[in-house]
Amino acid sequence: MTHRIRESALALVLGLALTPLAFAEEGVDRAVDGAKDTVTSPGKVVEGISEGAQESGPVGVVTGAVKGGAEAAGQAVKGAAKVGVGVVEAVTEPLRD
């Protein structure tokens, strides 16, 4: 009987110890999405150049580069913010519950 009690107590302790990890999952997911946005942001410059060239020819290459650069910067900032918020959520979630 004491062996069963010991196993139940161990299962309870392990369950309580792992619960914060489950709650932190949402913050981790947000941080991963933010990292992906930040890493892929330079692709916006290439997209802008391509679209500008198709629409306006050589002049569109310049305007597309500027437009794509602005979009890339915005996406990088947004991604970095998601990473920061996700990390904070992952760390503080167990403390809030």
PDB file of N, CA and C in Angstrom:
ATOM      1  N   MET A   1       0.816  -1.193   0.000  1.00  0.00           N
ATOM      2  CA  MET A   1       0.000   0.000   0.000  1.00  0.00           C
ATOM      3  C   MET A   1       0.867   1.268   0.000  1.00  0.00           C
ATOM      4  N   THR A   2       1.927   1.283   0.784  1.00  0.00           N
ATOM      5  CA  THR A   2       2.768   2.470   0.838  1.00  0.00           C
ATOM      6  C   THR A   2       3.468   2.707  -0.497  1.00  0.00           C
ATOM      7  N   HIS A   3       3.724   1.645  -1.248  1.00  0.00           N
ATOM      8  CA  HIS A   3       4.334   1.786  -2.573  1.00  0.00           C
ATOM      9  C   HIS A   3       3.390   2.546  -3.499  1.00  0.00           C
ATOM     10  N   ARG A   4       2.099   2.245  -3.433  1.00  0.00           N
ATOM     11  CA  ARG A   4       1.105   2.945  -4.255  1.00  0.00           C
ATOM     12  C   ARG A   4       0.990   4.411  -3.850  1.00  0.00           C
ATOM     13  N   ILE A   5       1.012   4.675  -2.595  1.00  0.00           N
ATOM     14  CA  ILE A   5       0.934   6.055  -2.111  1.00  0.00           C
ATOM     15  C   ILE A   5       2.153   6.839  -2.605  1.00  0.00           C
ATOM     16  N   ARG A   6       3.299   6.217  -2.505  1.00  0.00           N
ATOM     17  CA  ARG A   6       4.523   6.858  -2.961  1.00  0.00           C
ATOM     18  C   ARG A   6       4.454   7.151  -4.467  1.00  0.00           C
ATOM     19  N   GLU A   7       3.957   6.215  -5.267  1.00  0.00           N
ATOM     20  CA  GLU A   7       3.820   6.424  -6.705  1.00  0.00           C
ATOM     21  C   GLU A   7       2.836   7.542  -7.006  1.00  0.00           C
ATOM     22  N   SER A   8       1.727   7.576  -6.280  1.00  0.00           N
ATOM     23  CA  SER A   8       0.730   8.626  -6.481  1.00  0.00           C
ATOM     24  C   SER A   8       1.292   9.989  -6.116  1.00  0.00           C
ATOM     25  N   ALA A   9       2.021  10.056  -5.034  1.00  0.00           N
ATOM     26  CA  ALA A   9       2.626  11.320  -4.619  1.00  0.00           C
ATOM     27  C   ALA A   9       3.649  11.790  -5.657  1.00  0.00           C
ATOM     28  N   LEU A  10       4.436  10.857  -6.168  1.00  0.00           N
ATOM     29  CA  LEU A  10       5.422  11.204  -7.183  1.00  0.00           C
ATOM     30  C   LEU A  10       4.736  11.708  -8.452  1.00  0.00           C
ATOM     31  N   ALA A  11       3.661  11.047  -8.858  1.00  0.00           N
ATOM     32  CA  ALA A  11       2.918  11.478 -10.044  1.00  0.00           C
ATOM     33  C   ALA A  11       2.340  12.877  -9.843  1.00  0.00           C
ATOM     34  N   LEU A  12       1.826  13.150  -8.645  1.00  0.00           N
ATOM     35  CA  LEU A  12       1.274  14.468  -8.343  1.00  0.00           C
ATOM     36  C   LEU A  12       2.364  15.537  -8.394  1.00  0.00           C
ATOM     37  N   VAL A  13       3.496  15.277  -7.797  1.00  0.00           N
ATOM     38  CA  VAL A  13       4.597  16.236  -7.784  1.00  0.00           C
ATOM     39  C   VAL A  13       5.099  16.496  -9.196  1.00  0.00           C
ATOM     40  N   LEU A  14       5.271  15.443  -9.981  1.00  0.00           N
ATOM     41  CA  LEU A  14       5.729  15.612 -11.361  1.00  0.00           C
ATOM     42  C   LEU A  14       4.710  16.390 -12.188  1.00  0.00           C
ATOM     43  N   GLY A  15       3.437  16.089 -11.981  1.00  0.00           N
ATOM     44  CA  GLY A  15       2.376  16.801 -12.699  1.00  0.00           C
ATOM     45  C   GLY A  15       2.374  18.281 -12.370  1.00  0.00           C
ATOM     46  N   LEU A  16       2.527  18.609 -11.094  1.00  0.00           N
ATOM     47  CA  LEU A  16       2.563  20.010 -10.690  1.00  0.00           C
ATOM     48  C   LEU A  16       3.817  20.709 -11.209  1.00  0.00           C
ATOM     49  N   ALA A  17       4.907  19.994 -11.269  1.00  0.00           N
ATOM     50  CA  ALA A  17       6.152  20.585 -11.744  1.00  0.00           C
ATOM     51  C   ALA A  17       6.104  20.861 -13.244  1.00  0.00           C
ATOM     52  N   LEU A  18       5.426  20.025 -13.991  1.00  0.00           N
ATOM     53  CA  LEU A  18       5.381  20.186 -15.443  1.00  0.00           C
ATOM     54  C   LEU A  18       4.263  21.109 -15.915  1.00  0.00           C
ATOM     55  N   THR A  19       3.297  21.417 -15.064  1.00  0.00           N
ATOM     56  CA  THR A  19       2.171  22.273 -15.440  1.00  0.00           C
ATOM     57  C   THR A  19       2.616  23.637 -15.951  1.00  0.00           C
ATOM     58  N   PRO A  20       3.568  24.329 -15.315  1.00  0.00           N
ATOM     59  CA  PRO A  20       3.999  25.628 -15.851  1.00  0.00           C
ATOM     60  C   PRO A  20       4.544  25.538 -17.263  1.00  0.00           C
ATOM     61  N   LEU A  21       5.139  24.421 -17.630  1.00  0.00           N
ATOM     62  CA  LEU A  21       5.659  24.260 -18.991  1.00  0.00           C
ATOM     63  C   LEU A  21       4.533  24.274 -20.003  1.00  0.00           C
ATOM     64  N   ALA A  22       3.409  23.664 -19.648  1.00  0.00           N
ATOM     65  CA  ALA A  22       2.267  23.666 -20.560  1.00  0.00           C
ATOM     66  C   ALA A  22       1.719  25.072 -20.728  1.00  0.00           C
ATOM     67  N   PHE A  23       1.665  25.843 -19.636  1.00  0.00           N
ATOM     68  CA  PHE A  23       1.163  27.208 -19.717  1.00  0.00           C
ATOM     69  C   PHE A  23       2.106  28.105 -20.498  1.00  0.00           C
ATOM     70  N   ALA A  24       3.377  27.824 -20.462  1.00  0.00           N
ATOM     71  CA  ALA A  24       4.372  28.656 -21.131  1.00  0.00           C
ATOM     72  C   ALA A  24       4.371  28.429 -22.641  1.00  0.00           C
ATOM     73  N   GLU A  25       3.684  27.406 -23.099  1.00  0.00           N
ATOM     74  CA  GLU A  25       3.702  27.041 -24.516  1.00  0.00           C
ATOM     75  C   GLU A  25       3.224  28.179 -25.415  1.00  0.00           C
ATOM     76  N   GLU A  26       2.203  28.910 -25.005  1.00  0.00           N
ATOM     77  CA  GLU A  26       1.676  29.997 -25.823  1.00  0.00           C
ATOM     78  C   GLU A  26       2.725  31.092 -26.033  1.00  0.00           C
ATOM     79  N   GLY A  27       3.426  31.437 -24.975  1.00  0.00           N
ATOM     80  CA  GLY A  27       4.483  32.441 -25.096  1.00  0.00           C
ATOM     81  C   GLY A  27       5.610  31.983 -25.991  1.00  0.00           C
ATOM     82  N   VAL A  28       5.957  30.714 -25.887  1.00  0.00           N
ATOM     83  CA  VAL A  28       7.018  30.160 -26.731  1.00  0.00           C
ATOM     84  C   VAL A  28       6.591  30.187 -28.197  1.00  0.00           C
ATOM     85  N   ASP A  29       5.326  29.832 -28.455  1.00  0.00           N
ATOM     86  CA  ASP A  29       4.827  29.864 -29.833  1.00  0.00           C
ATOM     87  C   ASP A  29       4.887  31.278 -30.410  1.00  0.00           C
ATOM     88  N   ARG A  30       4.512  32.271 -29.596  1.00  0.00           N
ATOM     89  CA  ARG A  30       4.549  33.657 -30.055  1.00  0.00           C
ATOM     90  C   ARG A  30       5.995  34.079 -30.352  1.00  0.00           C
ATOM     91  N   ALA A  31       6.923  33.678 -29.503  1.00  0.00           N
ATOM     92  CA  ALA A  31       8.332  34.020 -29.712  1.00  0.00           C
ATOM     93  C   ALA A  31       8.864  33.384 -30.994  1.00  0.00           C
ATOM     94  N   VAL A  32       8.468  32.142 -31.265  1.00  0.00           N
ATOM     95  CA  VAL A  32       8.912  31.459 -32.489  1.00  0.00           C
ATOM     96  C   VAL A  32       8.345  32.167 -33.722  1.00  0.00           C
ATOM     97  N   ASP A  33       7.067  32.558 -33.671  1.00  0.00           N
ATOM     98  CA  ASP A  33       6.478  33.297 -34.794  1.00  0.00           C
ATOM     99  C   ASP A  33       7.208  34.620 -35.025  1.00  0.00           C
ATOM    100  N   GLY A  34       7.550  35.292 -33.938  1.00  0.00           N
ATOM    101  CA  GLY A  34       8.273  36.552 -34.054  1.00  0.00           C
ATOM    102  C   GLY A  34       9.645  36.366 -34.661  1.00  0.00           C
ATOM    103  N   ALA A  35      10.320  35.317 -34.260  1.00  0.00           N
ATOM    104  CA  ALA A  35      11.643  35.035 -34.820  1.00  0.00           C
ATOM    105  C   ALA A  35      11.535  34.759 -36.316  1.00  0.00           C
ATOM    106  N   LYS A  36      10.503  34.037 -36.708  1.00  0.00           N
ATOM    107  CA  LYS A  36      10.295  33.752 -38.134  1.00  0.00           C
ATOM    108  C   LYS A  36      10.050  35.044 -38.907  1.00  0.00           C
ATOM    109  N   ASP A  37       9.219  35.949 -38.355  1.00  0.00           N
ATOM    110  CA  ASP A  37       8.968  37.237 -39.015  1.00  0.00           C
ATOM    111  C   ASP A  37      10.258  38.029 -39.182  1.00  0.00           C
ATOM    112  N   THR A  38      11.077  38.037 -38.140  1.00  0.00           N
ATOM    113  CA  THR A  38      12.324  38.804 -38.185  1.00  0.00           C
ATOM    114  C   THR A  38      13.293  38.231 -39.213  1.00  0.00           C
ATOM    115  N   VAL A  39      13.413  36.929 -39.243  1.00  0.00           N
ATOM    116  CA  VAL A  39      14.363  36.279 -40.151  1.00  0.00           C
ATOM    117  C   VAL A  39      13.925  36.410 -41.609  1.00  0.00           C
ATOM    118  N   THR A  40      12.636  36.368 -41.869  1.00  0.00           N
ATOM    119  CA  THR A  40      12.154  36.418 -43.254  1.00  0.00           C
ATOM    120  C   THR A  40      11.913  37.844 -43.752  1.00  0.00           C
ATOM    121  N   SER A  41      12.111  38.848 -42.905  1.00  0.00           N
ATOM    122  CA  SER A  41      11.823  40.220 -43.321  1.00  0.00           C
ATOM    123  C   SER A  41      12.652  40.700 -44.516  1.00  0.00           C
ATOM    124  N   PRO A  42      13.916  40.297 -44.691  1.00  0.00           N
ATOM    125  CA  PRO A  42      14.651  40.759 -45.883  1.00  0.00           C
ATOM    126  C   PRO A  42      13.992  40.341 -47.203  1.00  0.00           C
ATOM    127  N   GLY A  43      13.197  39.308 -47.175  1.00  0.00           N
ATOM    128  CA  GLY A  43      12.480  38.886 -48.378  1.00  0.00           C
ATOM    129  C   GLY A  43      11.515  39.945 -48.882  1.00  0.00           C
ATOM    130  N   LYS A  44      11.064  40.828 -47.984  1.00  0.00           N
ATOM    131  CA  LYS A  44      10.163  41.908 -48.384  1.00  0.00           C
ATOM    132  C   LYS A  44      10.852  42.873 -49.356  1.00  0.00           C
ATOM    133  N   VAL A  45      12.139  43.078 -49.198  1.00  0.00           N
ATOM    134  CA  VAL A  45      12.880  43.963 -50.112  1.00  0.00           C
ATOM    135  C   VAL A  45      12.868  43.365 -51.517  1.00  0.00           C
ATOM    136  N   VAL A  46      13.143  42.079 -51.600  1.00  0.00           N
ATOM    137  CA  VAL A  46      13.154  41.398 -52.898  1.00  0.00           C
ATOM    138  C   VAL A  46      11.767  41.447 -53.530  1.00  0.00           C
ATOM    139  N   GLU A  47      10.726  41.218 -52.717  1.00  0.00           N
ATOM    140  CA  GLU A  47       9.355  41.291 -53.235  1.00  0.00           C
ATOM    141  C   GLU A  47       9.045  42.691 -53.761  1.00  0.00           C
ATOM    142  N   GLY A  48       9.464  43.717 -53.016  1.00  0.00           N
ATOM    143  CA  GLY A  48       9.203  45.098 -53.436  1.00  0.00           C
ATOM    144  C   GLY A  48       9.887  45.433 -54.746  1.00  0.00           C
ATOM    145  N   ILE A  49      11.123  45.008 -54.894  1.00  0.00           N
ATOM    146  CA  ILE A  49      11.862  45.264 -56.140  1.00  0.00           C
ATOM    147  C   ILE A  49      11.186  44.548 -57.305  1.00  0.00           C
ATOM    148  N   SER A  50      10.813  43.307 -57.093  1.00  0.00           N
ATOM    149  CA  SER A  50      10.179  42.526 -58.152  1.00  0.00           C
ATOM    150  C   SER A  50       8.859  43.152 -58.584  1.00  0.00           C
ATOM    151  N   GLU A  51       8.021  43.515 -57.604  1.00  0.00           N
ATOM    152  CA  GLU A  51       6.724  44.125 -57.928  1.00  0.00           C
ATOM    153  C   GLU A  51       6.906  45.478 -58.609  1.00  0.00           C
ATOM    154  N   GLY A  52       7.845  46.287 -58.090  1.00  0.00           N
ATOM    155  CA  GLY A  52       8.085  47.603 -58.691  1.00  0.00           C
ATOM    156  C   GLY A  52       8.574  47.499 -60.112  1.00  0.00           C
ATOM    157  N   ALA A  53       9.464  46.559 -60.378  1.00  0.00           N
ATOM    158  CA  ALA A  53       9.992  46.372 -61.733  1.00  0.00           C
ATOM    159  C   ALA A  53       8.894  45.936 -62.692  1.00  0.00           C
ATOM    160  N   GLN A  54       7.999  45.081 -62.236  1.00  0.00           N
ATOM    161  CA  GLN A  54       6.909  44.617 -63.095  1.00  0.00           C
ATOM    162  C   GLN A  54       5.927  45.744 -63.399  1.00  0.00           C
ATOM    163  N   GLU A  55       5.686  46.599 -62.396  1.00  0.00           N
ATOM    164  CA  GLU A  55       4.702  47.672 -62.570  1.00  0.00           C
ATOM    165  C   GLU A  55       5.269  48.875 -63.318  1.00  0.00           C
ATOM    166  N   SER A  56       6.516  49.259 -63.042  1.00  0.00           N
ATOM    167  CA  SER A  56       7.038  50.531 -63.546  1.00  0.00           C
ATOM    168  C   SER A  56       8.393  50.435 -64.239  1.00  0.00           C
ATOM    169  N   GLY A  57       8.897  49.260 -64.441  1.00  0.00           N
ATOM    170  CA  GLY A  57      10.180  49.120 -65.113  1.00  0.00           C
ATOM    171  C   GLY A  57      11.337  49.555 -64.235  1.00  0.00           C
ATOM    172  N   PRO A  58      12.373  50.186 -64.844  1.00  0.00           N
ATOM    173  CA  PRO A  58      13.569  50.559 -64.086  1.00  0.00           C
ATOM    174  C   PRO A  58      13.291  51.500 -62.899  1.00  0.00           C
ATOM    175  N   VAL A  59      12.371  52.443 -63.073  1.00  0.00           N
ATOM    176  CA  VAL A  59      12.026  53.344 -61.970  1.00  0.00           C
ATOM    177  C   VAL A  59      11.396  52.542 -60.828  1.00  0.00           C
ATOM    178  N   GLY A  60      10.642  51.541 -61.161  1.00  0.00           N
ATOM    179  CA  GLY A  60       9.991  50.703 -60.157  1.00  0.00           C
ATOM    180  C   GLY A  60      10.974  49.928 -59.311  1.00  0.00           C
ATOM    181  N   VAL A  61      12.151  49.652 -59.856  1.00  0.00           N
ATOM    182  CA  VAL A  61      13.188  48.959 -59.082  1.00  0.00           C
ATOM    183  C   VAL A  61      13.580  49.814 -57.881  1.00  0.00           C
ATOM    184  N   VAL A  62      13.754  51.112 -58.111  1.00  0.00           N
ATOM    185  CA  VAL A  62      14.136  52.021 -57.025  1.00  0.00           C
ATOM    186  C   VAL A  62      12.992  52.180 -56.038  1.00  0.00           C
ATOM    187  N   THR A  63      11.809  52.483 -56.546  1.00  0.00           N
ATOM    188  CA  THR A  63      10.674  52.670 -55.626  1.00  0.00           C
ATOM    189  C   THR A  63      10.317  51.368 -54.926  1.00  0.00           C
ATOM    190  N   GLY A  64      10.452  50.262 -55.640  1.00  0.00           N
ATOM    191  CA  GLY A  64      10.174  48.957 -55.025  1.00  0.00           C
ATOM    192  C   GLY A  64      11.157  48.633 -53.915  1.00  0.00           C
ATOM    193  N   ALA A  65      12.424  49.031 -54.121  1.00  0.00           N
ATOM    194  CA  ALA A  65      13.433  48.795 -53.081  1.00  0.00           C
ATOM    195  C   ALA A  65      13.121  49.605 -51.835  1.00  0.00           C
ATOM    196  N   VAL A  66      12.693  50.851 -52.026  1.00  0.00           N
ATOM    197  CA  VAL A  66      12.354  51.704 -50.890  1.00  0.00           C
ATOM    198  C   VAL A  66      11.122  51.154 -50.173  1.00  0.00           C
ATOM    199  N   LYS A  67      10.096  50.839 -50.958  1.00  0.00           N
ATOM    200  CA  LYS A  67       8.860  50.306 -50.369  1.00  0.00           C
ATOM    201  C   LYS A  67       9.133  48.973 -49.673  1.00  0.00           C
ATOM    202  N   GLY A  68       9.858  48.083 -50.335  1.00  0.00           N
ATOM    203  CA  GLY A  68      10.189  46.779 -49.748  1.00  0.00           C
ATOM    204  C   GLY A  68      11.046  46.920 -48.500  1.00  0.00           C
ATOM    205  N   GLY A  69      11.968  47.885 -48.518  1.00  0.00           N
ATOM    206  CA  GLY A  69      12.808  48.126 -47.334  1.00  0.00           C
ATOM    207  C   GLY A  69      11.992  48.584 -46.140  1.00  0.00           C
ATOM    208  N   ALA A  70      11.021  49.450 -46.404  1.00  0.00           N
ATOM    209  CA  ALA A  70      10.151  49.920 -45.320  1.00  0.00           C
ATOM    210  C   ALA A  70       9.312  48.766 -44.763  1.00  0.00           C
ATOM    211  N   GLU A  71       8.779  47.939 -45.660  1.00  0.00           N
ATOM    212  CA  GLU A  71       7.995  46.789 -45.212  1.00  0.00           C
ATOM    213  C   GLU A  71       8.865  45.800 -44.431  1.00  0.00           C
ATOM    214  N   ALA A  72      10.076  45.600 -44.891  1.00  0.00           N
ATOM    215  CA  ALA A  72      10.997  44.680 -44.206  1.00  0.00           C
ATOM    216  C   ALA A  72      11.321  45.193 -42.809  1.00  0.00           C
ATOM    217  N   ALA A  73      11.574  46.487 -42.706  1.00  0.00           N
ATOM    218  CA  ALA A  73      11.875  47.063 -41.392  1.00  0.00           C
ATOM    219  C   ALA A  73      10.683  46.910 -40.456  1.00  0.00           C
ATOM    220  N   GLY A  74       9.495  47.178 -40.966  1.00  0.00           N
ATOM    221  CA  GLY A  74       8.286  47.023 -40.150  1.00  0.00           C
ATOM    222  C   GLY A  74       8.087  45.596 -39.692  1.00  0.00           C
ATOM    223  N   GLN A  75       8.302  44.658 -40.594  1.00  0.00           N
ATOM    224  CA  GLN A  75       8.140  43.245 -40.238  1.00  0.00           C
ATOM    225  C   GLN A  75       9.185  42.825 -39.224  1.00  0.00           C
ATOM    226  N   ALA A  76      10.406  43.314 -39.362  1.00  0.00           N
ATOM    227  CA  ALA A  76      11.479  42.961 -38.420  1.00  0.00           C
ATOM    228  C   ALA A  76      11.162  43.501 -37.024  1.00  0.00           C
ATOM    229  N   VAL A  77      10.674  44.736 -36.956  1.00  0.00           N
ATOM    230  CA  VAL A  77      10.318  45.330 -35.656  1.00  0.00           C
ATOM    231  C   VAL A  77       9.157  44.566 -35.031  1.00  0.00           C
ATOM    232  N   LYS A  78       8.162  44.266 -35.843  1.00  0.00           N
ATOM    233  CA  LYS A  78       7.010  43.511 -35.344  1.00  0.00           C
ATOM    234  C   LYS A  78       7.450  42.137 -34.843  1.00  0.00           C
ATOM    235  N   GLY A  79       8.326  41.482 -35.585  1.00  0.00           N
ATOM    236  CA  GLY A  79       8.830  40.169 -35.186  1.00  0.00           C
ATOM    237  C   GLY A  79       9.610  40.233 -33.889  1.00  0.00           C
ATOM    238  N   ALA A  80      10.455  41.246 -33.761  1.00  0.00           N
ATOM    239  CA  ALA A  80      11.230  41.398 -32.529  1.00  0.00           C
ATOM    240  C   ALA A  80      10.310  41.645 -31.335  1.00  0.00           C
ATOM    241  N   ALA A  81       9.263  42.424 -31.549  1.00  0.00           N
ATOM    242  CA  ALA A  81       8.308  42.675 -30.467  1.00  0.00           C
ATOM    243  C   ALA A  81       7.601  41.382 -30.057  1.00  0.00           C
ATOM    244  N   LYS A  82       7.228  40.560 -31.036  1.00  0.00           N
ATOM    245  CA  LYS A  82       6.592  39.272 -30.725  1.00  0.00           C
ATOM    246  C   LYS A  82       7.529  38.381 -29.919  1.00  0.00           C
ATOM    247  N   VAL A  83       8.806  38.391 -30.281  1.00  0.00           N
ATOM    248  CA  VAL A  83       9.778  37.586 -29.543  1.00  0.00           C
ATOM    249  C   VAL A  83       9.817  38.053 -28.096  1.00  0.00           C
ATOM    250  N   GLY A  84       9.917  39.357 -27.892  1.00  0.00           N
ATOM    251  CA  GLY A  84       9.979  39.896 -26.534  1.00  0.00           C
ATOM    252  C   GLY A  84       8.742  39.576 -25.730  1.00  0.00           C
ATOM    253  N   VAL A  85       7.571  39.790 -26.321  1.00  0.00           N
ATOM    254  CA  VAL A  85       6.315  39.503 -25.615  1.00  0.00           C
ATOM    255  C   VAL A  85       6.202  38.014 -25.332  1.00  0.00           C
ATOM    256  N   GLY A  86       6.567  37.189 -26.294  1.00  0.00           N
ATOM    257  CA  GLY A  86       6.484  35.740 -26.107  1.00  0.00           C
ATOM    258  C   GLY A  86       7.373  35.251 -24.979  1.00  0.00           C
ATOM    259  N   VAL A  87       8.581  35.793 -24.902  1.00  0.00           N
ATOM    260  CA  VAL A  87       9.494  35.388 -23.829  1.00  0.00           C
ATOM    261  C   VAL A  87       8.927  35.803 -22.474  1.00  0.00           C
ATOM    262  N   VAL A  88       8.424  37.027 -22.399  1.00  0.00           N
ATOM    263  CA  VAL A  88       7.842  37.495 -21.138  1.00  0.00           C
ATOM    264  C   VAL A  88       6.637  36.634 -20.754  1.00  0.00           C
ATOM    265  N   GLU A  89       5.783  36.318 -21.728  1.00  0.00           N
ATOM    266  CA  GLU A  89       4.627  35.458 -21.447  1.00  0.00           C
ATOM    267  C   GLU A  89       5.062  34.087 -20.962  1.00  0.00           C
ATOM    268  N   ALA A  90       6.055  33.523 -21.616  1.00  0.00           N
ATOM    269  CA  ALA A  90       6.513  32.177 -21.246  1.00  0.00           C
ATOM    270  C   ALA A  90       7.077  32.151 -19.834  1.00  0.00           C
ATOM    271  N   VAL A  91       7.752  33.214 -19.453  1.00  0.00           N
ATOM    272  CA  VAL A  91       8.382  33.249 -18.130  1.00  0.00           C
ATOM    273  C   VAL A  91       7.367  33.576 -17.044  1.00  0.00           C
ATOM    274  N   THR A  92       6.439  34.489 -17.335  1.00  0.00           N
ATOM    275  CA  THR A  92       5.528  34.947 -16.282  1.00  0.00           C
ATOM    276  C   THR A  92       4.235  34.147 -16.184  1.00  0.00           C
ATOM    277  N   GLU A  93       3.900  33.347 -17.176  1.00  0.00           N
ATOM    278  CA  GLU A  93       2.634  32.601 -17.146  1.00  0.00           C
ATOM    279  C   GLU A  93       2.490  31.744 -15.892  1.00  0.00           C
ATOM    280  N   PRO A  94       3.506  30.982 -15.504  1.00  0.00           N
ATOM    281  CA  PRO A  94       3.357  30.182 -14.287  1.00  0.00           C
ATOM    282  C   PRO A  94       3.136  31.041 -13.032  1.00  0.00           C
ATOM    283  N   LEU A  95       3.656  32.247 -13.046  1.00  0.00           N
ATOM    284  CA  LEU A  95       3.495  33.121 -11.888  1.00  0.00           C
ATOM    285  C   LEU A  95       2.090  33.723 -11.818  1.00  0.00           C
ATOM    286  N   ARG A  96       1.440  33.859 -12.960  1.00  0.00           N
ATOM    287  CA  ARG A  96       0.104  34.450 -12.989  1.00  0.00           C
ATOM    288  C   ARG A  96      -0.971  33.467 -12.602  1.00  0.00           C
ATOM    289  N   ASP A  97      -0.724  32.189 -12.753  1.00  0.00           N
ATOM    290  CA  ASP A  97      -1.760  31.179 -12.440  1.00  0.00           C
ATOM    291  C   ASP A  97      -1.675  30.666 -11.054  1.00  0.00           C
TER     292      ASP A  97
END
